Protein backbone atom coordinates (compact mmCIF):
# COMPACT_ATOMS: atom_id res chain seq x y z
CA UNK A 1 -3.49 -31.91 -28.39
CA UNK A 2 -3.17 -28.09 -28.09
CA UNK A 3 0.24 -26.51 -27.81
CA UNK A 4 0.80 -25.85 -24.08
CA UNK A 5 2.97 -22.83 -24.91
CA UNK A 6 0.18 -21.23 -26.92
CA UNK A 7 -2.38 -22.10 -24.24
CA UNK A 8 -0.56 -20.75 -21.21
CA UNK A 9 1.83 -18.12 -22.60
CA UNK A 10 -0.63 -15.55 -23.84
CA UNK A 11 1.45 -12.92 -25.69
CA UNK A 12 -0.90 -10.12 -24.66
CA UNK A 13 -0.74 -11.15 -21.01
CA UNK A 14 3.06 -11.43 -21.18
CA UNK A 15 3.21 -7.96 -22.75
CA UNK A 16 1.10 -6.53 -19.93
CA UNK A 17 3.30 -8.19 -17.31
CA UNK A 18 6.41 -6.86 -18.99
CA UNK A 19 4.89 -3.39 -19.21
CA UNK A 20 4.02 -3.32 -15.51
CA UNK A 21 7.47 -4.65 -14.59
CA UNK A 22 9.16 -1.96 -16.69
CA UNK A 23 6.96 0.68 -15.11
CA UNK A 24 7.91 -0.57 -11.64
CA UNK A 25 11.60 -0.48 -12.55
CA UNK A 26 11.26 3.03 -14.01
CA UNK A 27 9.64 4.34 -10.82
CA UNK A 28 12.26 2.77 -8.57
CA UNK A 29 15.25 3.80 -10.66
CA UNK A 30 13.83 7.27 -11.09
CA UNK A 31 13.53 7.55 -7.34
CA UNK A 32 17.14 6.44 -6.91
CA UNK A 33 18.35 8.94 -9.47
CA UNK A 34 16.51 11.73 -7.69
CA UNK A 35 17.71 10.80 -4.20
CA UNK A 36 21.32 9.89 -5.15
CA UNK A 37 21.34 7.09 -2.61
CA UNK A 38 19.77 3.68 -2.13
CA UNK A 39 16.58 3.54 -0.06
CA UNK A 40 16.61 -0.25 0.15
CA UNK A 41 17.94 -0.43 3.69
CA UNK A 42 14.96 1.62 4.82
CA UNK A 43 12.83 -1.53 4.80
CA UNK A 44 15.20 -3.98 6.40
CA UNK A 45 16.74 -1.96 9.22
CA UNK A 46 15.22 -2.07 12.70
CA UNK A 47 16.05 0.02 15.75
CA UNK A 48 18.08 -2.02 18.25
CA UNK A 49 19.24 0.19 21.13
CA UNK A 50 20.76 3.49 22.26
CA UNK A 51 24.36 4.14 23.17
CA UNK A 52 25.95 7.27 24.56
CA UNK A 53 27.49 9.70 22.10
CA UNK A 54 31.28 10.00 21.97
CA UNK A 55 33.26 12.65 20.05
CA UNK A 56 33.64 11.65 16.42
CA UNK A 57 30.25 9.93 16.09
CA UNK A 58 27.99 11.02 13.25
CA UNK A 59 25.50 13.47 14.78
CA UNK A 60 22.76 12.47 12.31
CA UNK A 61 22.12 9.39 14.47
CA UNK A 62 21.50 11.41 17.66
CA UNK A 63 18.08 10.77 19.16
CA UNK A 64 16.91 14.32 19.85
CA UNK A 65 13.78 13.15 21.66
CA UNK A 66 15.94 11.40 24.24
CA UNK A 67 18.11 14.53 24.50
CA UNK A 68 15.02 16.65 25.18
CA UNK A 69 14.15 14.41 28.12
CA UNK A 70 17.60 13.74 29.54
CA UNK A 71 19.79 16.58 28.17
CA UNK A 72 22.33 13.89 27.23
CA UNK A 73 23.34 12.77 23.76
CA UNK A 74 22.50 9.21 22.75
CA UNK A 75 22.81 7.58 19.33
CA UNK A 76 20.28 5.27 17.75
CA UNK A 77 21.78 1.93 16.78
CA UNK A 78 20.21 -0.38 14.22
CA UNK A 79 20.41 -4.02 13.29
CA UNK A 80 19.97 -5.51 9.85
CA UNK A 81 17.05 -7.86 9.45
CA UNK A 82 18.15 -10.01 6.51
CA UNK A 83 14.98 -12.09 6.46
CA UNK A 84 12.46 -9.35 5.81
CA UNK A 85 9.10 -10.59 4.57
CA UNK A 86 6.79 -8.11 2.85
CA UNK A 87 3.15 -8.85 2.13
CA UNK A 88 1.22 -6.87 -0.47
CA UNK A 89 -2.47 -6.85 0.53
CA UNK A 90 -4.43 -5.75 -2.54
CA UNK A 91 -8.12 -4.84 -2.63
CA UNK A 92 -9.67 -6.35 -5.78
CA UNK A 93 -13.30 -5.48 -5.01
CA UNK A 94 -15.56 -3.87 -7.59
CA UNK A 95 -15.25 -0.31 -6.24
CA UNK A 96 -11.53 -0.36 -7.05
CA UNK A 97 -12.28 -0.30 -10.79
CA UNK A 98 -13.54 3.28 -10.61
CA UNK A 99 -11.44 5.89 -12.36
CA UNK A 100 -12.24 9.41 -13.51
CA UNK A 101 -8.82 9.89 -15.13
CA UNK A 102 -6.16 7.81 -16.84
CA UNK A 103 -5.90 5.23 -14.05
CA UNK A 104 -8.47 3.38 -12.00
CA UNK A 105 -7.89 3.03 -8.28
CA UNK A 106 -6.91 -0.59 -8.84
CA UNK A 107 -4.42 0.29 -11.59
CA UNK A 108 -2.85 2.95 -9.42
CA UNK A 109 -2.55 0.57 -6.45
CA UNK A 110 -0.97 -2.11 -8.67
CA UNK A 111 1.54 0.37 -10.09
CA UNK A 112 2.82 1.35 -6.65
CA UNK A 113 2.63 -2.21 -5.30
CA UNK A 114 4.60 -3.57 -8.28
CA UNK A 115 7.31 -0.97 -7.77
CA UNK A 116 7.63 -1.91 -4.12
CA UNK A 117 7.73 -5.62 -4.98
CA UNK A 118 10.49 -4.98 -7.50
CA UNK A 119 12.45 -2.93 -4.99
CA UNK A 120 12.15 -5.45 -2.16
CA UNK A 121 13.19 -8.38 -4.36
CA UNK A 122 16.16 -6.33 -5.58
CA UNK A 123 17.36 -6.10 -1.99
CA UNK A 124 17.13 -9.91 -1.68
CA UNK A 125 14.13 -9.94 0.64
CA UNK A 126 10.84 -11.80 0.17
CA UNK A 127 7.46 -10.69 -1.17
CA UNK A 128 4.08 -12.34 -0.78
CA UNK A 129 0.66 -11.34 -2.08
CA UNK A 130 -2.89 -11.53 -0.73
CA UNK A 131 -5.59 -10.30 -3.08
CA UNK A 132 -9.10 -9.96 -1.70
CA UNK A 133 -12.61 -8.61 -2.06
CA UNK A 134 -15.27 -10.08 0.24
CA UNK A 135 -12.69 -12.77 1.06
CA UNK A 136 -9.11 -13.68 0.19
CA UNK A 137 -9.03 -14.83 -3.47
CA UNK A 138 -5.28 -15.17 -4.03
CA UNK A 139 -2.69 -16.06 -1.42
CA UNK A 140 0.86 -16.22 -2.78
CA UNK A 141 3.42 -17.32 -0.21
CA UNK A 142 6.46 -15.06 0.16
CA UNK A 143 9.57 -15.81 -1.87
CA UNK A 144 12.79 -14.00 -2.66
CA UNK A 145 13.24 -15.70 -6.04
CA UNK A 146 13.43 -13.40 -9.05
CA UNK A 147 10.53 -15.32 -10.61
CA UNK A 148 8.29 -14.15 -7.73
CA UNK A 149 7.80 -10.78 -9.40
CA UNK A 150 6.24 -12.44 -12.44
CA UNK A 151 3.87 -14.38 -10.16
CA UNK A 152 2.85 -11.21 -8.31
CA UNK A 153 2.24 -9.35 -11.59
CA UNK A 154 0.16 -12.17 -13.08
CA UNK A 155 -2.17 -12.09 -10.08
CA UNK A 156 -2.38 -8.30 -10.12
CA UNK A 157 -3.26 -8.31 -13.81
CA UNK A 158 -6.26 -10.55 -13.18
CA UNK A 159 -8.06 -7.32 -12.35
CA UNK A 160 -11.04 -6.76 -10.08
CA UNK A 161 -14.10 -8.91 -9.51
CA UNK A 162 -17.78 -8.11 -8.98
CA UNK A 163 -17.72 -8.60 -5.21
CA UNK A 164 -18.00 -5.98 -2.49
CA UNK A 165 -15.40 -5.29 0.19
CA UNK A 166 -15.53 -6.96 3.60
CA UNK A 167 -12.28 -5.47 4.79
CA UNK A 168 -12.68 -5.99 8.53
CA UNK A 169 -13.36 -9.73 8.20
CA UNK A 170 -10.58 -10.09 5.62
CA UNK A 171 -7.99 -8.48 7.88
CA UNK A 172 -8.95 -10.80 10.74
CA UNK A 173 -8.55 -13.74 8.36
CA UNK A 174 -5.12 -12.54 7.24
CA UNK A 175 -4.02 -11.99 10.84
CA UNK A 176 -4.59 -15.71 11.43
CA UNK A 177 -2.94 -16.78 8.16
CA UNK A 178 0.20 -14.61 8.34
CA UNK A 179 1.95 -15.89 11.42
CA UNK A 180 5.51 -14.69 10.92
CA UNK A 181 6.14 -11.02 11.66
CA UNK A 182 6.62 -8.93 8.54
CA UNK A 183 5.99 -5.71 6.66
CA UNK A 184 2.33 -5.48 5.56
CA UNK A 185 1.39 -3.00 2.84
CA UNK A 186 -2.38 -2.64 2.45
CA UNK A 187 -3.74 -1.06 -0.77
CA UNK A 188 -7.46 -0.33 -0.64
CA UNK A 189 -10.09 2.38 -0.99
CA UNK A 190 -11.21 1.25 2.49
CA UNK A 191 -14.88 1.30 1.52
CA UNK A 192 -16.11 -0.48 4.60
CA UNK A 193 -17.11 0.49 8.11
CA UNK A 194 -14.07 2.35 9.58
CA UNK A 195 -14.54 0.80 13.02
CA UNK A 196 -14.44 -2.72 11.55
CA UNK A 197 -11.42 -1.85 9.41
CA UNK A 198 -9.53 -0.49 12.42
CA UNK A 199 -10.45 -3.58 14.44
CA UNK A 200 -8.97 -5.77 11.72
CA UNK A 201 -5.81 -3.65 11.63
CA UNK A 202 -5.56 -3.93 15.41
CA UNK A 203 -5.59 -7.72 15.07
CA UNK A 204 -2.68 -7.52 12.61
CA UNK A 205 -0.90 -5.09 14.91
CA UNK A 206 -1.30 -7.57 17.76
CA UNK A 207 0.75 -9.97 15.63
CA UNK A 208 3.52 -7.32 15.73
CA UNK A 209 3.51 -6.62 12.01
CA UNK A 210 4.85 -3.35 10.61
CA UNK A 211 1.78 -2.02 8.79
CA UNK A 212 1.31 0.70 6.20
CA UNK A 213 -2.16 1.56 4.92
CA UNK A 214 -2.19 3.02 1.39
CA UNK A 215 -5.62 4.60 1.10
CA UNK A 216 -6.23 4.78 -2.66
CA UNK A 217 -8.92 7.25 -3.72
CA UNK A 218 -9.84 8.72 -7.08
CA UNK A 219 -9.41 12.46 -7.40
CA UNK A 220 -13.13 12.89 -8.12
CA UNK A 221 -14.00 11.02 -4.93
CA UNK A 222 -11.97 13.55 -2.96
CA UNK A 223 -12.74 16.79 -4.82
CA UNK A 224 -16.31 15.97 -5.95
CA UNK A 225 -16.07 18.27 -9.01
CA UNK A 226 -19.47 17.36 -10.50
CA UNK A 227 -21.74 20.27 -11.49
CA UNK A 228 -24.51 19.09 -13.80
CA UNK A 229 -27.22 16.54 -12.93
CA UNK A 230 -25.34 13.25 -12.85
CA UNK A 231 -26.22 9.57 -12.85
CA UNK A 232 -23.90 7.86 -10.36
CA UNK A 233 -23.48 4.19 -11.18
CA UNK A 234 -23.71 1.93 -8.16
CA UNK A 235 -20.82 -0.42 -7.46
CA UNK A 236 -20.66 -3.34 -5.04
CA UNK A 237 -24.41 -3.98 -5.37
CA UNK A 238 -25.44 -0.41 -4.57
CA UNK A 239 -28.21 1.13 -6.72
CA UNK A 240 -27.67 3.83 -9.34
CA UNK A 241 -28.47 7.37 -8.21
CA UNK A 242 -29.54 10.32 -10.37
CA UNK A 243 -29.06 13.58 -8.49
CA UNK A 244 -27.95 17.22 -8.55
CA UNK A 245 -24.37 17.04 -7.19
CA UNK A 246 -24.22 20.75 -6.33
CA UNK A 247 -26.84 20.27 -3.62
CA UNK A 248 -24.83 17.38 -2.15
CA UNK A 249 -21.28 18.66 -2.34
CA UNK A 250 -21.05 20.42 1.03
CA UNK A 251 -22.46 17.51 3.02
CA UNK A 252 -20.44 15.01 0.96
CA UNK A 253 -17.12 16.78 1.62
CA UNK A 254 -17.96 17.14 5.31
CA UNK A 255 -18.76 13.43 5.62
CA UNK A 256 -15.64 12.46 3.64
CA UNK A 257 -13.39 14.53 5.89
CA UNK A 258 -14.96 13.00 8.98
CA UNK A 259 -14.38 9.52 7.55
CA UNK A 260 -10.75 10.27 6.62
CA UNK A 261 -10.06 11.78 10.02
CA UNK A 262 -11.44 8.70 11.78
CA UNK A 263 -9.16 6.43 9.75
CA UNK A 264 -6.08 8.63 10.21
CA UNK A 265 -6.58 8.95 13.96
CA UNK A 266 -7.28 5.24 14.30
CA UNK A 267 -4.10 4.31 12.43
CA UNK A 268 -2.04 6.83 14.38
CA UNK A 269 -3.32 5.44 17.68
CA UNK A 270 -2.10 1.97 16.66
CA UNK A 271 1.25 3.22 15.33
CA UNK A 272 0.25 2.30 11.77
CA UNK A 273 1.49 4.40 8.85
CA UNK A 274 -1.35 5.95 6.87
CA UNK A 275 -0.72 7.19 3.31
CA UNK A 276 -3.44 8.80 1.20
CA UNK A 277 -2.86 8.14 -2.52
CA UNK A 278 -4.73 10.25 -5.08
CA UNK A 279 -5.00 8.68 -8.50
CA UNK A 280 -4.16 11.99 -10.20
CA UNK A 281 -0.77 12.17 -8.44
CA UNK A 282 2.47 10.82 -9.90
CA UNK A 283 2.97 7.31 -8.43
CA UNK A 284 6.75 7.80 -8.48
CA UNK A 285 6.51 10.92 -6.34
CA UNK A 286 4.04 9.21 -3.99
CA UNK A 287 6.41 6.27 -3.57
CA UNK A 288 9.43 8.53 -3.03
CA UNK A 289 7.58 10.47 -0.35
CA UNK A 290 6.63 7.27 1.49
CA UNK A 291 10.17 5.83 1.34
CA UNK A 292 11.69 9.10 2.50
CA UNK A 293 9.45 9.12 5.56
CA UNK A 294 10.46 5.56 6.38
CA UNK A 295 14.14 6.47 6.16
CA UNK A 296 13.62 9.24 8.72
CA UNK A 297 12.10 6.87 11.29
């Protein structure tokens, strides 16, 4: 009978999990050292009400938008939501394995997602995971146990599959599965029809979730730096294409900007945070920027 420890505790897999966990901790602690204050309450605090300002109150809590309308000073008051549930929605479709630099899109998404999972568990809240391509492949129920991080990392380290993205349908599916209101963090290259993606996000928004879309794109997909005749390998069942990229660059960039603008405007209209993540940017800086914006809300 084979040794169960040897069968299930793969040293290489454990080393990869440990490496990703250490990387997550490094990013979070580095952010804390740079900011000199804890960002953890930025996830779990919700706006409750206004009250009128009285002398001695901290002016940083004044709602200046209300002042502009009423010319009276009111403070924002917040309540602590101690039962925060955060879902990491991770795109594991084939297109996420593309990478022109040190990290693929999938690796970059997992690095930021792992850091957020580590941070949220440190503040004693719960993290769940849904990993998908053409459908949901992994669905890990939220937990606040310290062992949950290991479970999240194991599923992330399974990598990407050969399937294409069906993001719109997947988001509708998740809207039906995730009943309790929570914080939803979507990591994807969003390679699907924008209208269908926004419709799926609208379904989640209808469930009153707090949604952030992390749009993960490779630097080459944004800048299109190719000069010489290039064979572009098809992913997600698309054919290979041999072409002169210089003749395509202008129309490609124009189409990309139109696509990005449609997604940004669609998210903004639904009060959904949209964050563009370039794989050549420092994930720690990207995370710090996102958390800082949340703290200012």
